[in-house]
Amino acid sequence: MSHSLDSIPDWVCWIAQDSSGAWWGYSVEPLRNDKGWYENEVGEYALLGTTDPLDWPNSLKRIKH
């Protein structure tokens, strides 16, 4: 990922990569679709960076409680 955890906005609690390799930060746990993740119209999300898409369906990680 091109951003370190220090540069992720304070409100981001979850990170995940989509099928294009983009990493996204979410304020609430996102739901998975066929090509990535979505916030289900609840909470905020932001693009964090891009890397090669490696096992993106299993990329969801909680970084804060």
C-alpha atoms as a PDB file:
ATOM      1  CA  MET A   1       0.000   0.000   0.000  1.00  0.00           C
ATOM      2  CA  SER A   2       1.350   3.428  -0.831  1.00  0.00           C
ATOM      3  CA  HIS A   3       0.193   5.005   2.454  1.00  0.00           C
ATOM      4  CA  SER A   4       1.446   4.113   5.910  1.00  0.00           C
ATOM      5  CA  LEU A   5      -1.005   3.711   8.761  1.00  0.00           C
ATOM      6  CA  ASP A   6       0.159   7.130  10.011  1.00  0.00           C
ATOM      7  CA  SER A   7      -1.363   8.848   6.960  1.00  0.00           C
ATOM      8  CA  ILE A   8      -4.742   7.100   7.134  1.00  0.00           C
ATOM      9  CA  PRO A   9      -7.515   9.463   8.317  1.00  0.00           C
ATOM     10  CA  ASP A  10      -8.403   9.127  12.009  1.00  0.00           C
ATOM     11  CA  TRP A  11     -11.984   8.060  11.245  1.00  0.00           C
ATOM     12  CA  VAL A  12     -10.906   4.956   9.236  1.00  0.00           C
ATOM     13  CA  CYS A  13     -11.574   1.736  11.179  1.00  0.00           C
ATOM     14  CA  TRP A  14     -11.419  -0.781   8.304  1.00  0.00           C
ATOM     15  CA  ILE A  15      -9.197  -1.142   5.223  1.00  0.00           C
ATOM     16  CA  ALA A  16      -9.701  -3.362   2.179  1.00  0.00           C
ATOM     17  CA  GLN A  17      -8.394  -3.779  -1.362  1.00  0.00           C
ATOM     18  CA  ASP A  18     -10.634  -4.105  -4.417  1.00  0.00           C
ATOM     19  CA  SER A  19     -10.057  -6.181  -7.567  1.00  0.00           C
ATOM     20  CA  SER A  20      -8.311  -3.270  -9.340  1.00  0.00           C
ATOM     21  CA  GLY A  21      -5.682  -3.047  -6.574  1.00  0.00           C
ATOM     22  CA  ALA A  22      -7.067   0.110  -4.934  1.00  0.00           C
ATOM     23  CA  TRP A  23      -6.978   0.215  -1.125  1.00  0.00           C
ATOM     24  CA  TRP A  24      -9.909   1.886   0.592  1.00  0.00           C
ATOM     25  CA  GLY A  25     -10.504   3.034   4.146  1.00  0.00           C
ATOM     26  CA  TYR A  26     -13.957   2.804   5.738  1.00  0.00           C
ATOM     27  CA  SER A  27     -15.486   4.207   8.908  1.00  0.00           C
ATOM     28  CA  VAL A  28     -17.850   1.206   9.210  1.00  0.00           C
ATOM     29  CA  GLU A  29     -17.348  -2.431   8.200  1.00  0.00           C
ATOM     30  CA  PRO A  30     -17.872  -2.619   4.421  1.00  0.00           C
ATOM     31  CA  LEU A  31     -19.755  -5.315   2.532  1.00  0.00           C
ATOM     32  CA  ARG A  32     -18.163  -7.245  -0.339  1.00  0.00           C
ATOM     33  CA  ASN A  33     -19.457  -7.317  -3.897  1.00  0.00           C
ATOM     34  CA  ASP A  34     -18.084  -9.076  -6.987  1.00  0.00           C
ATOM     35  CA  LYS A  35     -15.236  -6.575  -7.574  1.00  0.00           C
ATOM     36  CA  GLY A  36     -14.609  -4.910  -4.248  1.00  0.00           C
ATOM     37  CA  TRP A  37     -16.193  -3.456  -1.141  1.00  0.00           C
ATOM     38  CA  TYR A  38     -18.854  -0.863  -0.399  1.00  0.00           C
ATOM     39  CA  GLU A  39     -19.984   1.056   2.640  1.00  0.00           C
ATOM     40  CA  ASN A  40     -23.720   0.352   2.081  1.00  0.00           C
ATOM     41  CA  GLU A  41     -24.484   4.091   2.172  1.00  0.00           C
ATOM     42  CA  VAL A  42     -23.476   4.252   5.839  1.00  0.00           C
ATOM     43  CA  GLY A  43     -20.321   5.965   7.004  1.00  0.00           C
ATOM     44  CA  GLU A  44     -17.414   7.404   5.080  1.00  0.00           C
ATOM     45  CA  TYR A  45     -14.791   5.931   2.752  1.00  0.00           C
ATOM     46  CA  ALA A  46     -11.573   7.165   1.151  1.00  0.00           C
ATOM     47  CA  LEU A  47      -9.048   5.934  -1.394  1.00  0.00           C
ATOM     48  CA  LEU A  48      -5.766   5.181   0.409  1.00  0.00           C
ATOM     49  CA  GLY A  49      -3.516   3.988  -2.413  1.00  0.00           C
ATOM     50  CA  THR A  50      -3.010   1.235  -4.977  1.00  0.00           C
ATOM     51  CA  THR A  51      -0.896  -1.926  -5.153  1.00  0.00           C
ATOM     52  CA  ASP A  52      -1.088  -5.127  -7.185  1.00  0.00           C
ATOM     53  CA  PRO A  53      -4.349  -6.917  -6.333  1.00  0.00           C
ATOM     54  CA  LEU A  54      -3.311  -9.962  -4.325  1.00  0.00           C
ATOM     55  CA  ASP A  55      -6.107 -12.013  -2.751  1.00  0.00           C
ATOM     56  CA  TRP A  56      -8.304  -8.912  -2.512  1.00  0.00           C
ATOM     57  CA  PRO A  57     -11.409 -10.888  -1.350  1.00  0.00           C
ATOM     58  CA  ASN A  58      -9.518 -11.655   1.887  1.00  0.00           C
ATOM     59  CA  SER A  59      -7.977  -8.193   2.333  1.00  0.00           C
ATOM     60  CA  LEU A  60     -10.535  -6.724   4.767  1.00  0.00           C
ATOM     61  CA  LYS A  61      -8.853  -5.785   8.053  1.00  0.00           C
ATOM     62  CA  ARG A  62     -10.064  -3.920  11.111  1.00  0.00           C
ATOM     63  CA  ILE A  63      -7.408  -1.397  12.153  1.00  0.00           C
ATOM     64  CA  LYS A  64      -9.278   0.267  15.069  1.00  0.00           C
ATOM     65  CA  HIS A  65     -12.160  -0.496  17.371  1.00  0.00           C
END
